[in-house]
Amino acid sequence: MELGLKDKVALVTAASRGLGYATAHALAEEGAHIALCARTEKTLVQAAERLAEETGADVLPIAADVADPGAANHLAAMTLENFGQIDVLFINAGGPPPGKFLDFQPKDWEEATQLTIQSAVRLAYAVVPVMRKQKGGSILINTSVTVRHPLDSLILSNSLRLALIGMVKSLSIELGPDNIRLNAIAPGWTRTERVDQLLNDRAKRNETTTEEEAAKISAAVPLGRIAEPEEYGKVAAFLLSPAASYVTGVTLLVDGGLSRAVM
């Protein structure tokens, strides 16, 4: 299928590895130009070089921490300066730390809010006016299966990511007349460093091994396995592309059937 992404400009955050890189890779394979963002400049530049080599795409690395209040405007400005437009925005950030309610203090909630919610809000404020001027665009926010299927020892993620779903639905209605689409994508267990962190946390709490915890998860997933990042990236690229031109306000699970939620 032709996704219609050739020569589109995509800003992808938290993208030096994991789900962000997989999404950038899928977009680049379809011919998009990529503004690649991550916190650590060294790993970001390496990722940008690898992405350009593997796909032939024009890749602009921009080092920034999306939890920093000034990062969003900087990212948008650098992308516009280099490419002249922003057609696609993939909003992604590292997940809040695992833990139960009493493992955290109010300050931990404040930090997680900055990372999970405020980073998305600021990126939307930075890019929506650009897309409105261009008379169109597509925004996809990375969330988690926890928005439909809360997981144990993930109180911060279970709570805060739901706010992003409300934001997506509300903005999809508000910005529809501007031809700007808003969607969310909700991954399940996927082989990333974030999942390694969660497996280690579960193994410590349950006095097991990460291998045992991974086996438990695979057994609970109807497809019987943990996903690869590339499987997620292809779905994200579709939702961001003109091929999904009549899809907005949706939260799409990419979880192998893990969530039992009907809606």
Protein backbone atom coordinates (compact mmCIF):
# COMPACT_ATOMS: atom_id res chain seq x y z
CA MET A 1 0.00 0.00 0.00
CA GLU A 2 1.22 3.49 -0.85
CA LEU A 3 0.93 5.54 2.36
CA GLY A 4 1.42 8.93 0.71
CA LEU A 5 4.34 9.94 2.94
CA LYS A 6 6.91 10.70 0.27
CA ASP A 7 8.52 14.12 0.93
CA LYS A 8 6.35 14.71 4.00
CA VAL A 9 8.19 16.08 7.03
CA ALA A 10 7.89 14.16 10.31
CA LEU A 11 8.99 15.31 13.75
CA VAL A 12 9.52 12.25 15.94
CA THR A 13 10.43 12.58 19.63
CA ALA A 14 12.21 10.15 21.97
CA ALA A 15 13.40 8.46 18.81
CA SER A 16 17.00 7.31 19.21
CA ARG A 17 15.80 3.80 20.09
CA GLY A 18 12.75 1.70 20.88
CA LEU A 19 9.29 2.63 19.65
CA GLY A 20 10.31 6.13 18.58
CA TYR A 21 13.10 4.86 16.36
CA ALA A 22 10.88 2.11 14.94
CA THR A 23 8.29 4.74 14.00
CA ALA A 24 10.88 7.04 12.46
CA HIS A 25 12.28 4.10 10.50
CA ALA A 26 8.87 3.14 9.13
CA LEU A 27 8.15 6.75 8.13
CA ALA A 28 11.57 7.09 6.50
CA GLU A 29 11.07 3.89 4.52
CA GLU A 30 7.95 5.50 3.06
CA GLY A 31 9.94 8.50 1.86
CA ALA A 32 9.39 11.00 4.69
CA HIS A 33 12.03 13.47 5.84
CA ILE A 34 12.72 12.99 9.55
CA ALA A 35 13.48 15.42 12.37
CA LEU A 36 14.75 13.01 15.01
CA CYS A 37 14.69 14.05 18.67
CA ALA A 38 16.23 12.46 21.77
CA ARG A 39 17.90 13.64 24.97
CA THR A 40 21.44 12.28 24.54
CA GLU A 41 23.27 13.84 21.61
CA LYS A 42 25.76 11.02 21.06
CA THR A 43 23.17 8.25 20.80
CA LEU A 44 20.87 10.56 18.82
CA VAL A 45 23.51 11.28 16.18
CA GLN A 46 24.33 7.58 15.93
CA ALA A 47 20.64 6.78 15.47
CA ALA A 48 20.25 9.50 12.83
CA GLU A 49 23.24 8.19 10.90
CA ARG A 50 21.92 4.63 11.08
CA LEU A 51 18.45 5.72 9.99
CA ALA A 52 19.80 7.67 7.01
CA GLU A 53 22.04 4.77 5.99
CA GLU A 54 19.27 2.16 6.25
CA THR A 55 16.53 4.15 4.50
CA GLY A 56 18.24 6.86 2.44
CA ALA A 57 16.09 9.46 4.18
CA ASP A 58 17.06 13.04 4.96
CA VAL A 59 17.42 12.97 8.76
CA LEU A 60 17.90 15.97 11.07
CA PRO A 61 19.01 15.09 14.63
CA ILE A 62 17.86 17.56 17.29
CA ALA A 63 18.98 16.94 20.87
CA ALA A 64 16.25 17.92 23.33
CA ASP A 65 14.52 16.68 26.47
CA VAL A 66 10.76 16.93 25.92
CA ALA A 67 10.27 17.34 29.68
CA ASP A 68 12.08 20.69 29.37
CA PRO A 69 9.50 23.50 28.94
CA GLY A 70 11.52 25.09 26.14
CA ALA A 71 12.10 21.93 24.12
CA ALA A 72 8.89 21.90 22.06
CA ASN A 73 9.31 25.34 20.52
CA HIS A 74 12.97 24.61 19.82
CA LEU A 75 12.11 21.36 18.05
CA ALA A 76 9.44 22.97 15.92
CA ALA A 77 11.69 25.91 15.01
CA MET A 78 14.62 23.69 14.03
CA THR A 79 12.40 21.43 11.93
CA LEU A 80 10.87 24.39 10.09
CA GLU A 81 14.27 25.99 9.56
CA ASN A 82 15.64 22.83 7.98
CA PHE A 83 12.61 21.45 6.11
CA GLY A 84 10.17 24.36 5.82
CA GLN A 85 7.11 22.43 7.03
CA ILE A 86 5.83 19.91 9.59
CA ASP A 87 3.29 17.44 8.23
CA VAL A 88 3.55 14.74 10.87
CA LEU A 89 4.16 14.84 14.63
CA PHE A 90 4.80 11.70 16.65
CA ILE A 91 4.63 12.57 20.35
CA ASN A 92 6.62 10.16 22.46
CA ALA A 93 8.40 10.28 25.81
CA GLY A 94 9.97 7.84 28.21
CA GLY A 95 7.50 6.09 30.48
CA PRO A 96 7.07 7.00 34.16
CA PRO A 97 8.94 4.71 36.57
CA PRO A 98 7.20 1.53 37.75
CA GLY A 99 5.90 1.28 41.30
CA LYS A 100 2.91 1.16 43.58
CA PHE A 101 1.14 4.20 45.05
CA LEU A 102 3.10 4.31 48.33
CA ASP A 103 6.40 3.93 46.49
CA PHE A 104 6.00 7.54 45.32
CA GLN A 105 5.67 11.02 46.75
CA PRO A 106 3.73 13.98 45.29
CA LYS A 107 6.92 15.29 43.67
CA ASP A 108 7.16 12.05 41.69
CA TRP A 109 3.68 12.67 40.32
CA GLU A 110 4.71 16.20 39.37
CA GLU A 111 7.79 14.95 37.50
CA ALA A 112 5.78 12.24 35.75
CA THR A 113 3.15 14.81 34.77
CA GLN A 114 5.82 17.00 33.16
CA LEU A 115 7.18 14.03 31.21
CA THR A 116 3.92 12.36 30.22
CA ILE A 117 1.31 15.10 29.91
CA GLN A 118 2.96 18.50 29.74
CA SER A 119 5.48 17.42 27.09
CA ALA A 120 2.59 16.39 24.83
CA VAL A 121 0.69 19.61 25.53
CA ARG A 122 3.71 21.78 24.72
CA LEU A 123 4.48 19.88 21.51
CA ALA A 124 0.88 20.32 20.38
CA TYR A 125 1.03 24.06 21.11
CA ALA A 126 4.26 24.32 19.10
CA VAL A 127 3.06 22.38 16.04
CA VAL A 128 -0.71 22.89 15.72
CA PRO A 129 -0.40 26.53 14.53
CA VAL A 130 2.06 25.35 11.87
CA MET A 131 -0.30 22.65 10.67
CA ARG A 132 -3.26 25.01 10.74
CA LYS A 133 -1.35 27.43 8.51
CA GLN A 134 -0.48 24.54 6.19
CA LYS A 135 -4.16 23.51 6.17
CA GLY A 136 -3.53 20.03 7.46
CA GLY A 137 -1.40 17.58 9.38
CA SER A 138 -1.38 14.46 11.49
CA ILE A 139 -0.47 14.00 15.15
CA LEU A 140 -0.07 10.65 16.91
CA ILE A 141 0.52 10.34 20.64
CA ASN A 142 2.20 7.25 22.02
CA THR A 143 0.45 5.98 25.14
CA SER A 144 0.19 2.41 26.46
CA VAL A 145 -2.15 -0.54 26.75
CA THR A 146 -2.59 0.72 30.32
CA VAL A 147 -5.16 3.25 29.06
CA ARG A 148 -7.51 0.29 28.50
CA HIS A 149 -6.00 -2.41 30.68
CA PRO A 150 -4.24 -1.12 33.85
CA LEU A 151 -1.19 -3.15 34.81
CA ASP A 152 0.09 -3.92 38.30
CA SER A 153 2.79 -1.65 39.77
CA LEU A 154 2.32 1.04 37.11
CA ILE A 155 0.25 3.55 39.08
CA LEU A 156 1.80 6.59 37.36
CA SER A 157 1.35 5.27 33.83
CA ASN A 158 -2.11 3.86 34.54
CA SER A 159 -3.25 7.27 35.80
CA LEU A 160 -1.51 9.90 33.71
CA ARG A 161 -1.71 8.38 30.24
CA LEU A 162 -5.50 8.52 30.41
CA ALA A 163 -5.28 12.32 30.26
CA LEU A 164 -3.62 11.99 26.85
CA ILE A 165 -6.61 10.05 25.55
CA GLY A 166 -8.92 12.87 26.62
CA MET A 167 -6.62 15.34 24.89
CA VAL A 168 -6.57 13.31 21.67
CA LYS A 169 -10.35 12.97 21.53
CA SER A 170 -10.98 16.62 22.34
CA LEU A 171 -8.44 17.97 19.88
CA SER A 172 -9.59 15.62 17.13
CA ILE A 173 -13.01 17.29 17.34
CA GLU A 174 -11.66 20.82 17.70
CA LEU A 175 -9.07 20.54 14.90
CA GLY A 176 -11.02 18.40 12.46
CA PRO A 177 -12.24 21.46 10.51
CA ASP A 178 -8.56 22.41 10.03
CA ASN A 179 -7.84 19.00 8.45
CA ILE A 180 -5.60 18.10 11.39
CA ARG A 181 -5.98 14.55 12.62
CA LEU A 182 -5.25 13.43 16.19
CA ASN A 183 -4.89 9.79 17.20
CA ALA A 184 -3.31 7.74 19.96
CA ILE A 185 -1.49 4.44 19.74
CA ALA A 186 -1.39 2.10 22.71
CA PRO A 187 1.35 -0.54 22.62
CA GLY A 188 1.38 -3.65 24.73
CA TRP A 189 4.50 -5.57 25.64
CA THR A 190 7.18 -4.80 23.03
CA ARG A 191 10.89 -5.62 23.12
CA THR A 192 12.37 -2.27 24.19
CA GLU A 193 14.58 -1.02 27.03
CA ARG A 194 11.42 0.25 28.75
CA VAL A 195 10.03 -3.29 28.84
CA ASP A 196 13.38 -4.57 30.13
CA GLN A 197 13.00 -2.08 33.00
CA LEU A 198 9.50 -3.33 33.77
CA LEU A 199 10.55 -6.97 33.60
CA ASN A 200 13.41 -6.29 36.01
CA ASP A 201 11.03 -4.54 38.39
CA ARG A 202 8.57 -7.46 38.29
CA ALA A 203 11.35 -9.99 38.79
CA LYS A 204 12.56 -8.16 41.91
CA ARG A 205 9.07 -7.84 43.36
CA ASN A 206 8.16 -11.48 42.65
CA GLU A 207 11.60 -12.96 43.39
CA THR A 208 11.76 -14.51 39.95
CA THR A 209 13.84 -13.91 36.82
CA THR A 210 13.18 -11.61 33.88
CA GLU A 211 12.88 -14.70 31.68
CA GLU A 212 10.14 -16.10 33.91
CA GLU A 213 8.29 -12.80 33.88
CA ALA A 214 8.55 -12.58 30.08
CA ALA A 215 7.15 -16.11 29.82
CA LYS A 216 4.19 -15.15 32.02
CA ILE A 217 3.47 -12.16 29.81
CA SER A 218 3.68 -14.17 26.60
CA ALA A 219 1.26 -16.71 28.06
CA ALA A 220 -1.25 -13.93 28.79
CA VAL A 221 -1.11 -12.50 25.26
CA PRO A 222 -3.47 -14.26 22.80
CA LEU A 223 -0.80 -14.12 20.08
CA GLY A 224 1.55 -15.83 22.51
CA ARG A 225 4.55 -13.52 22.32
CA ILE A 226 6.02 -10.10 22.99
CA ALA A 227 6.02 -7.77 19.97
CA GLU A 228 9.00 -6.45 18.03
CA PRO A 229 9.35 -2.64 17.70
CA GLU A 230 9.05 -2.87 13.90
CA GLU A 231 5.51 -4.25 14.23
CA TYR A 232 4.51 -1.19 16.23
CA GLY A 233 6.34 1.22 13.92
CA LYS A 234 4.43 0.11 10.83
CA VAL A 235 1.08 0.68 12.53
CA ALA A 236 2.19 4.10 13.78
CA ALA A 237 3.33 5.11 10.29
CA PHE A 238 -0.04 4.12 8.84
CA LEU A 239 -1.98 6.18 11.40
CA LEU A 240 0.24 9.18 10.70
CA SER A 241 -0.03 8.85 6.94
CA PRO A 242 -2.52 10.20 4.39
CA ALA A 243 -3.60 6.57 3.89
CA ALA A 244 -5.45 6.98 7.22
CA SER A 245 -7.02 10.25 6.10
CA TYR A 246 -10.46 9.46 7.60
CA VAL A 247 -9.15 8.15 10.93
CA THR A 248 -9.15 10.62 13.81
CA GLY A 249 -9.90 10.58 17.53
CA VAL A 250 -8.97 6.90 17.72
CA THR A 251 -6.90 5.02 20.30
CA LEU A 252 -5.52 1.96 18.55
CA LEU A 253 -4.20 -0.94 20.61
CA VAL A 254 -1.10 -2.72 19.33
CA ASP A 255 -1.01 -5.33 22.06
CA GLY A 256 -1.42 -8.76 20.53
CA GLY A 257 -4.88 -8.98 22.06
CA LEU A 258 -3.71 -8.51 25.66
CA SER A 259 -6.42 -6.02 26.61
CA ARG A 260 -9.82 -7.59 27.19
CA ALA A 261 -11.56 -4.22 26.91
CA VAL A 262 -14.40 -4.19 24.39
CA MET A 263 -14.09 -0.43 23.66
